[in-house]
Amino acid sequence: QVQLVESGGGLVQAGGSLRLSCAVSGRTFSIYRMAWFRQTPGKEREFVATITWSSADTSYHDSVKGRFTISRDRSNNMVYLQMDSLKAEDTALYLCAAAPTRASVFRYPGTYSYWGQGTQVTVSS
């Protein structure tokens, strides 16, 4: 099993920045890929960014490219999401996810076996 705990959310003005953290514990050796998703009420979970645990290859949703940066610290079992130039439409519950397998469809929530509880990000315009 893998446990994920997010932190770092909050209320920020449009144009501001936040850094989300995801603490990873348990069978970390089994992880192939980590990701951040976001969800708003009544909508499906949306892919934000992903990073491979070993080689740190990254990919982003088009809406956050150039504004968000995903990174990982394997020595401390942490994953981060640096969010800059935040917009009101970035408001959502942000969830950290882990996938133990090399699935090609990394934008699909079903690829991920483990999820955190999420941290709320609210951007005021």
N, C-alpha and C. Protein backbone atom coordinates (compact mmCIF):
# COMPACT_ATOMS: atom_id res chain seq x y z
N GLN A 1 0.83 -1.20 0.00
CA GLN A 1 0.00 0.00 0.00
C GLN A 1 0.87 1.25 0.00
N VAL A 2 0.32 2.30 -0.55
CA VAL A 2 0.96 3.61 -0.58
C VAL A 2 -0.01 4.62 0.03
N GLN A 3 0.51 5.46 0.90
CA GLN A 3 -0.31 6.50 1.51
C GLN A 3 0.15 7.87 1.01
N LEU A 4 -0.81 8.73 0.74
CA LEU A 4 -0.54 10.06 0.21
C LEU A 4 -1.26 11.11 1.06
N VAL A 5 -0.53 12.15 1.43
CA VAL A 5 -1.13 13.24 2.22
C VAL A 5 -0.73 14.57 1.60
N GLU A 6 -1.74 15.32 1.15
CA GLU A 6 -1.50 16.62 0.53
C GLU A 6 -1.55 17.74 1.56
N SER A 7 -0.85 18.82 1.23
CA SER A 7 -0.90 20.04 2.04
C SER A 7 -0.52 21.22 1.18
N GLY A 8 -0.75 22.42 1.70
CA GLY A 8 -0.31 23.62 1.01
C GLY A 8 -1.40 24.42 0.32
N GLY A 9 -2.62 23.92 0.32
CA GLY A 9 -3.70 24.66 -0.30
C GLY A 9 -4.08 25.89 0.51
N GLY A 10 -4.94 26.72 -0.08
CA GLY A 10 -5.40 27.91 0.63
C GLY A 10 -6.08 28.88 -0.30
N LEU A 11 -6.27 30.09 0.20
CA LEU A 11 -6.91 31.16 -0.55
C LEU A 11 -5.83 32.12 -1.05
N VAL A 12 -5.87 32.42 -2.35
CA VAL A 12 -4.87 33.30 -2.94
C VAL A 12 -5.55 34.18 -3.98
N GLN A 13 -5.02 35.36 -4.19
CA GLN A 13 -5.56 36.25 -5.22
C GLN A 13 -5.08 35.82 -6.60
N ALA A 14 -5.86 36.16 -7.59
CA ALA A 14 -5.46 35.87 -8.97
C ALA A 14 -4.10 36.51 -9.24
N GLY A 15 -3.25 35.74 -9.94
CA GLY A 15 -1.89 36.20 -10.20
C GLY A 15 -0.88 35.75 -9.17
N GLY A 16 -1.38 35.22 -8.06
CA GLY A 16 -0.50 34.77 -6.99
C GLY A 16 0.02 33.36 -7.20
N SER A 17 0.71 32.86 -6.17
CA SER A 17 1.34 31.54 -6.26
C SER A 17 1.03 30.72 -5.02
N LEU A 18 1.05 29.40 -5.21
CA LEU A 18 0.96 28.45 -4.11
C LEU A 18 1.84 27.26 -4.44
N ARG A 19 2.32 26.60 -3.41
CA ARG A 19 3.09 25.37 -3.60
C ARG A 19 2.41 24.24 -2.83
N LEU A 20 1.93 23.26 -3.56
CA LEU A 20 1.30 22.10 -2.94
C LEU A 20 2.35 21.02 -2.70
N SER A 21 2.17 20.30 -1.60
CA SER A 21 3.07 19.19 -1.27
C SER A 21 2.27 17.91 -1.11
N CYS A 22 2.91 16.81 -1.45
CA CYS A 22 2.30 15.48 -1.27
C CYS A 22 3.34 14.59 -0.60
N ALA A 23 3.05 14.19 0.63
CA ALA A 23 3.94 13.28 1.36
C ALA A 23 3.57 11.84 1.02
N VAL A 24 4.56 11.09 0.58
CA VAL A 24 4.35 9.71 0.12
C VAL A 24 4.96 8.75 1.12
N SER A 25 4.22 7.74 1.53
CA SER A 25 4.75 6.75 2.46
C SER A 25 4.25 5.37 2.07
N GLY A 26 4.83 4.35 2.70
CA GLY A 26 4.45 2.98 2.40
C GLY A 26 5.39 2.36 1.37
N ARG A 27 4.82 1.61 0.44
CA ARG A 27 5.61 0.87 -0.55
C ARG A 27 6.04 1.78 -1.70
N THR A 28 6.87 2.74 -1.39
CA THR A 28 7.27 3.74 -2.40
C THR A 28 8.07 3.10 -3.53
N PHE A 29 8.73 1.98 -3.26
CA PHE A 29 9.52 1.31 -4.30
C PHE A 29 8.63 0.78 -5.42
N SER A 30 7.33 0.67 -5.14
CA SER A 30 6.40 0.14 -6.14
C SER A 30 5.85 1.21 -7.07
N ILE A 31 6.17 2.47 -6.81
CA ILE A 31 5.58 3.57 -7.58
C ILE A 31 6.31 3.76 -8.91
N TYR A 32 5.54 3.88 -9.98
CA TYR A 32 6.12 4.24 -11.28
C TYR A 32 5.88 5.71 -11.60
N ARG A 33 4.71 6.18 -11.27
CA ARG A 33 4.34 7.54 -11.67
C ARG A 33 3.52 8.23 -10.58
N MET A 34 3.72 9.53 -10.41
CA MET A 34 2.91 10.36 -9.53
C MET A 34 2.20 11.43 -10.35
N ALA A 35 1.09 11.92 -9.85
CA ALA A 35 0.35 12.94 -10.59
C ALA A 35 -0.45 13.82 -9.64
N TRP A 36 -0.83 14.97 -10.16
CA TRP A 36 -1.80 15.84 -9.52
C TRP A 36 -3.03 15.92 -10.42
N PHE A 37 -4.17 15.77 -9.79
CA PHE A 37 -5.46 15.98 -10.44
C PHE A 37 -6.20 17.07 -9.67
N ARG A 38 -7.26 17.58 -10.26
CA ARG A 38 -8.10 18.54 -9.54
C ARG A 38 -9.56 18.26 -9.85
N GLN A 39 -10.40 18.66 -8.90
CA GLN A 39 -11.82 18.36 -9.04
C GLN A 39 -12.65 19.49 -8.46
N THR A 40 -13.71 19.85 -9.18
CA THR A 40 -14.68 20.82 -8.69
C THR A 40 -16.03 20.13 -8.61
N PRO A 41 -16.93 20.65 -7.78
CA PRO A 41 -18.24 20.00 -7.58
C PRO A 41 -18.99 19.81 -8.90
N GLY A 42 -19.48 18.63 -9.12
CA GLY A 42 -20.27 18.33 -10.30
C GLY A 42 -19.46 18.01 -11.55
N LYS A 43 -18.14 18.05 -11.42
CA LYS A 43 -17.29 17.77 -12.58
C LYS A 43 -16.40 16.57 -12.31
N GLU A 44 -15.94 15.97 -13.39
CA GLU A 44 -15.04 14.83 -13.26
C GLU A 44 -13.64 15.31 -12.87
N ARG A 45 -12.90 14.36 -12.30
CA ARG A 45 -11.52 14.64 -11.92
C ARG A 45 -10.71 14.98 -13.17
N GLU A 46 -9.93 16.06 -13.09
CA GLU A 46 -9.18 16.55 -14.25
C GLU A 46 -7.68 16.41 -14.02
N PHE A 47 -6.99 15.85 -15.01
CA PHE A 47 -5.55 15.73 -14.96
C PHE A 47 -4.89 17.10 -14.96
N VAL A 48 -3.86 17.28 -14.13
CA VAL A 48 -3.12 18.54 -14.08
C VAL A 48 -1.68 18.33 -14.54
N ALA A 49 -0.97 17.41 -13.88
CA ALA A 49 0.45 17.19 -14.19
C ALA A 49 0.87 15.83 -13.67
N THR A 50 1.93 15.29 -14.29
CA THR A 50 2.45 14.00 -13.86
C THR A 50 3.96 13.98 -13.95
N ILE A 51 4.58 13.11 -13.14
CA ILE A 51 6.02 12.95 -13.13
C ILE A 51 6.34 11.49 -12.85
N THR A 52 7.30 10.95 -13.57
CA THR A 52 7.70 9.58 -13.28
C THR A 52 8.62 9.58 -12.06
N TRP A 53 8.44 8.58 -11.21
CA TRP A 53 9.13 8.56 -9.92
C TRP A 53 10.64 8.40 -10.10
N SER A 54 11.06 7.61 -11.06
CA SER A 54 12.47 7.33 -11.24
C SER A 54 13.19 8.40 -12.07
N SER A 55 12.68 8.68 -13.26
CA SER A 55 13.41 9.54 -14.19
C SER A 55 12.93 10.98 -14.22
N ALA A 56 11.85 11.27 -13.48
CA ALA A 56 11.32 12.64 -13.40
C ALA A 56 10.87 13.20 -14.74
N ASP A 57 10.40 12.36 -15.62
CA ASP A 57 9.78 12.86 -16.86
C ASP A 57 8.43 13.47 -16.51
N THR A 58 8.13 14.62 -17.11
CA THR A 58 6.91 15.33 -16.75
C THR A 58 6.00 15.55 -17.94
N SER A 59 4.73 15.76 -17.64
CA SER A 59 3.74 16.13 -18.64
C SER A 59 2.67 16.96 -17.96
N TYR A 60 2.07 17.90 -18.73
CA TYR A 60 1.11 18.84 -18.15
C TYR A 60 -0.14 18.95 -19.01
N HIS A 61 -1.23 19.30 -18.35
CA HIS A 61 -2.43 19.70 -19.08
C HIS A 61 -2.12 21.03 -19.75
N ASP A 62 -2.68 21.22 -20.93
CA ASP A 62 -2.40 22.44 -21.69
C ASP A 62 -2.75 23.70 -20.90
N SER A 63 -3.78 23.63 -20.08
CA SER A 63 -4.25 24.83 -19.37
C SER A 63 -3.28 25.31 -18.29
N VAL A 64 -2.33 24.47 -17.89
CA VAL A 64 -1.40 24.86 -16.83
C VAL A 64 0.05 24.94 -17.32
N LYS A 65 0.30 24.60 -18.55
CA LYS A 65 1.67 24.65 -19.09
C LYS A 65 2.23 26.05 -18.98
N GLY A 66 3.46 26.14 -18.49
CA GLY A 66 4.10 27.44 -18.33
C GLY A 66 3.76 28.15 -17.04
N ARG A 67 2.76 27.63 -16.30
CA ARG A 67 2.37 28.24 -15.03
C ARG A 67 2.63 27.31 -13.84
N PHE A 68 2.44 26.01 -14.05
CA PHE A 68 2.62 25.03 -12.99
C PHE A 68 3.87 24.19 -13.25
N THR A 69 4.51 23.77 -12.16
CA THR A 69 5.68 22.90 -12.26
C THR A 69 5.56 21.77 -11.26
N ILE A 70 5.64 20.54 -11.74
CA ILE A 70 5.62 19.37 -10.86
C ILE A 70 7.06 18.91 -10.64
N SER A 71 7.35 18.50 -9.42
CA SER A 71 8.69 17.99 -9.10
C SER A 71 8.57 16.93 -8.02
N ARG A 72 9.64 16.19 -7.82
CA ARG A 72 9.63 15.16 -6.77
C ARG A 72 10.99 15.12 -6.09
N ASP A 73 10.97 14.75 -4.82
CA ASP A 73 12.17 14.60 -4.01
C ASP A 73 12.15 13.17 -3.49
N ARG A 74 12.86 12.30 -4.17
CA ARG A 74 12.80 10.88 -3.80
C ARG A 74 13.44 10.62 -2.44
N SER A 75 14.43 11.40 -2.09
CA SER A 75 15.10 11.16 -0.80
C SER A 75 14.18 11.42 0.38
N ASN A 76 13.22 12.31 0.19
CA ASN A 76 12.27 12.63 1.25
C ASN A 76 10.85 12.17 0.93
N ASN A 77 10.70 11.45 -0.18
CA ASN A 77 9.39 10.91 -0.57
C ASN A 77 8.33 12.01 -0.64
N MET A 78 8.64 13.05 -1.39
CA MET A 78 7.72 14.17 -1.54
C MET A 78 7.50 14.47 -3.02
N VAL A 79 6.31 14.94 -3.33
CA VAL A 79 5.97 15.44 -4.66
C VAL A 79 5.40 16.84 -4.47
N TYR A 80 5.75 17.74 -5.37
CA TYR A 80 5.33 19.13 -5.24
C TYR A 80 4.63 19.59 -6.51
N LEU A 81 3.78 20.60 -6.33
CA LEU A 81 3.19 21.28 -7.47
C LEU A 81 3.31 22.78 -7.20
N GLN A 82 4.24 23.41 -7.90
CA GLN A 82 4.41 24.87 -7.81
C GLN A 82 3.43 25.51 -8.79
N MET A 83 2.54 26.34 -8.27
CA MET A 83 1.51 26.96 -9.09
C MET A 83 1.71 28.47 -9.10
N ASP A 84 2.00 29.02 -10.25
CA ASP A 84 2.21 30.46 -10.41
C ASP A 84 1.15 31.04 -11.34
N SER A 85 1.03 32.35 -11.32
CA SER A 85 0.06 33.05 -12.18
C SER A 85 -1.31 32.40 -12.07
N LEU A 86 -1.74 32.18 -10.87
CA LEU A 86 -3.01 31.48 -10.65
C LEU A 86 -4.20 32.28 -11.17
N LYS A 87 -5.19 31.53 -11.67
CA LYS A 87 -6.40 32.12 -12.21
C LYS A 87 -7.60 31.60 -11.42
N ALA A 88 -8.71 32.33 -11.51
CA ALA A 88 -9.90 31.91 -10.80
C ALA A 88 -10.32 30.49 -11.21
N GLU A 89 -10.12 30.16 -12.46
CA GLU A 89 -10.52 28.82 -12.95
C GLU A 89 -9.62 27.70 -12.44
N ASP A 90 -8.55 28.04 -11.72
CA ASP A 90 -7.72 27.02 -11.08
C ASP A 90 -8.32 26.58 -9.74
N THR A 91 -9.35 27.26 -9.29
CA THR A 91 -9.99 26.90 -8.02
C THR A 91 -10.53 25.47 -8.08
N ALA A 92 -10.10 24.65 -7.13
CA ALA A 92 -10.50 23.24 -7.12
C ALA A 92 -9.90 22.54 -5.90
N LEU A 93 -10.35 21.32 -5.69
CA LEU A 93 -9.70 20.43 -4.74
C LEU A 93 -8.58 19.71 -5.50
N TYR A 94 -7.36 19.82 -5.03
CA TYR A 94 -6.22 19.23 -5.71
C TYR A 94 -5.84 17.92 -5.01
N LEU A 95 -5.73 16.86 -5.81
CA LEU A 95 -5.46 15.54 -5.27
C LEU A 95 -4.17 14.98 -5.84
N CYS A 96 -3.41 14.34 -4.98
CA CYS A 96 -2.18 13.65 -5.36
C CYS A 96 -2.52 12.19 -5.63
N ALA A 97 -1.88 11.60 -6.64
CA ALA A 97 -2.17 10.22 -7.00
C ALA A 97 -0.89 9.48 -7.35
N ALA A 98 -0.91 8.16 -7.15
CA ALA A 98 0.26 7.33 -7.45
C ALA A 98 -0.17 6.12 -8.26
N ALA A 99 0.67 5.79 -9.26
CA ALA A 99 0.41 4.63 -10.11
C ALA A 99 1.58 3.67 -10.02
N PRO A 100 1.32 2.39 -9.74
CA PRO A 100 2.41 1.43 -9.63
C PRO A 100 2.84 0.81 -10.95
N THR A 101 2.10 1.11 -12.02
CA THR A 101 2.39 0.44 -13.28
C THR A 101 2.68 1.45 -14.37
N ARG A 102 3.36 0.97 -15.39
CA ARG A 102 3.72 1.82 -16.52
C ARG A 102 2.56 1.88 -17.50
N ALA A 103 1.48 2.52 -17.11
CA ALA A 103 0.32 2.67 -17.99
C ALA A 103 0.53 3.88 -18.89
N SER A 104 0.15 3.74 -20.16
CA SER A 104 0.40 4.82 -21.12
C SER A 104 -0.60 5.96 -20.98
N VAL A 105 -1.79 5.65 -20.48
CA VAL A 105 -2.83 6.67 -20.41
C VAL A 105 -2.73 7.38 -19.06
N PHE A 106 -1.71 8.21 -18.91
CA PHE A 106 -1.46 8.80 -17.60
C PHE A 106 -2.40 9.94 -17.25
N ARG A 107 -3.20 10.39 -18.23
CA ARG A 107 -4.16 11.45 -17.95
C ARG A 107 -5.48 10.90 -17.40
N TYR A 108 -5.60 9.60 -17.37
CA TYR A 108 -6.84 8.95 -16.97
C TYR A 108 -6.80 8.60 -15.48
N PRO A 109 -7.77 9.06 -14.69
CA PRO A 109 -7.74 8.79 -13.25
C PRO A 109 -7.67 7.31 -12.90
N GLY A 110 -8.27 6.47 -13.75
CA GLY A 110 -8.28 5.04 -13.48
C GLY A 110 -6.91 4.39 -13.51
N THR A 111 -5.92 5.10 -14.07
CA THR A 111 -4.56 4.58 -14.10
C THR A 111 -3.94 4.54 -12.70
N TYR A 112 -4.44 5.36 -11.80
CA TYR A 112 -3.83 5.55 -10.49
C TYR A 112 -4.54 4.71 -9.43
N SER A 113 -3.73 4.00 -8.64
CA SER A 113 -4.27 3.09 -7.63
C SER A 113 -4.42 3.75 -6.27
N TYR A 114 -3.66 4.80 -6.04
CA TYR A 114 -3.64 5.42 -4.71
C TYR A 114 -3.92 6.91 -4.83
N TRP A 115 -4.71 7.40 -3.85
CA TRP A 115 -5.12 8.81 -3.87
C TRP A 115 -5.04 9.40 -2.46
N GLY A 116 -4.71 10.69 -2.40
CA GLY A 116 -4.82 11.39 -1.15
C GLY A 116 -6.21 11.95 -0.97
N GLN A 117 -6.42 12.66 0.15
CA GLN A 117 -7.72 13.25 0.45
C GLN A 117 -7.93 14.59 -0.24
N GLY A 118 -6.83 15.22 -0.65
CA GLY A 118 -6.94 16.47 -1.37
C GLY A 118 -6.68 17.69 -0.50
N THR A 119 -6.33 18.79 -1.15
CA THR A 119 -6.15 20.08 -0.50
C THR A 119 -6.83 21.13 -1.36
N GLN A 120 -7.61 21.99 -0.72
CA GLN A 120 -8.43 22.96 -1.45
C GLN A 120 -7.61 24.19 -1.84
N VAL A 121 -7.74 24.57 -3.10
CA VAL A 121 -7.13 25.80 -3.60
C VAL A 121 -8.25 26.70 -4.09
N THR A 122 -8.29 27.92 -3.57
CA THR A 122 -9.29 28.88 -3.97
C THR A 122 -8.59 30.15 -4.44
N VAL A 123 -8.87 30.54 -5.69
CA VAL A 123 -8.26 31.72 -6.28
C VAL A 123 -9.34 32.78 -6.45
N SER A 124 -9.15 33.91 -5.80
CA SER A 124 -10.13 35.00 -5.89
C SER A 124 -9.75 35.95 -7.02
N SER A 125 -10.77 36.36 -7.76
CA SER A 125 -10.50 37.25 -8.90
C SER A 125 -10.70 38.71 -8.53
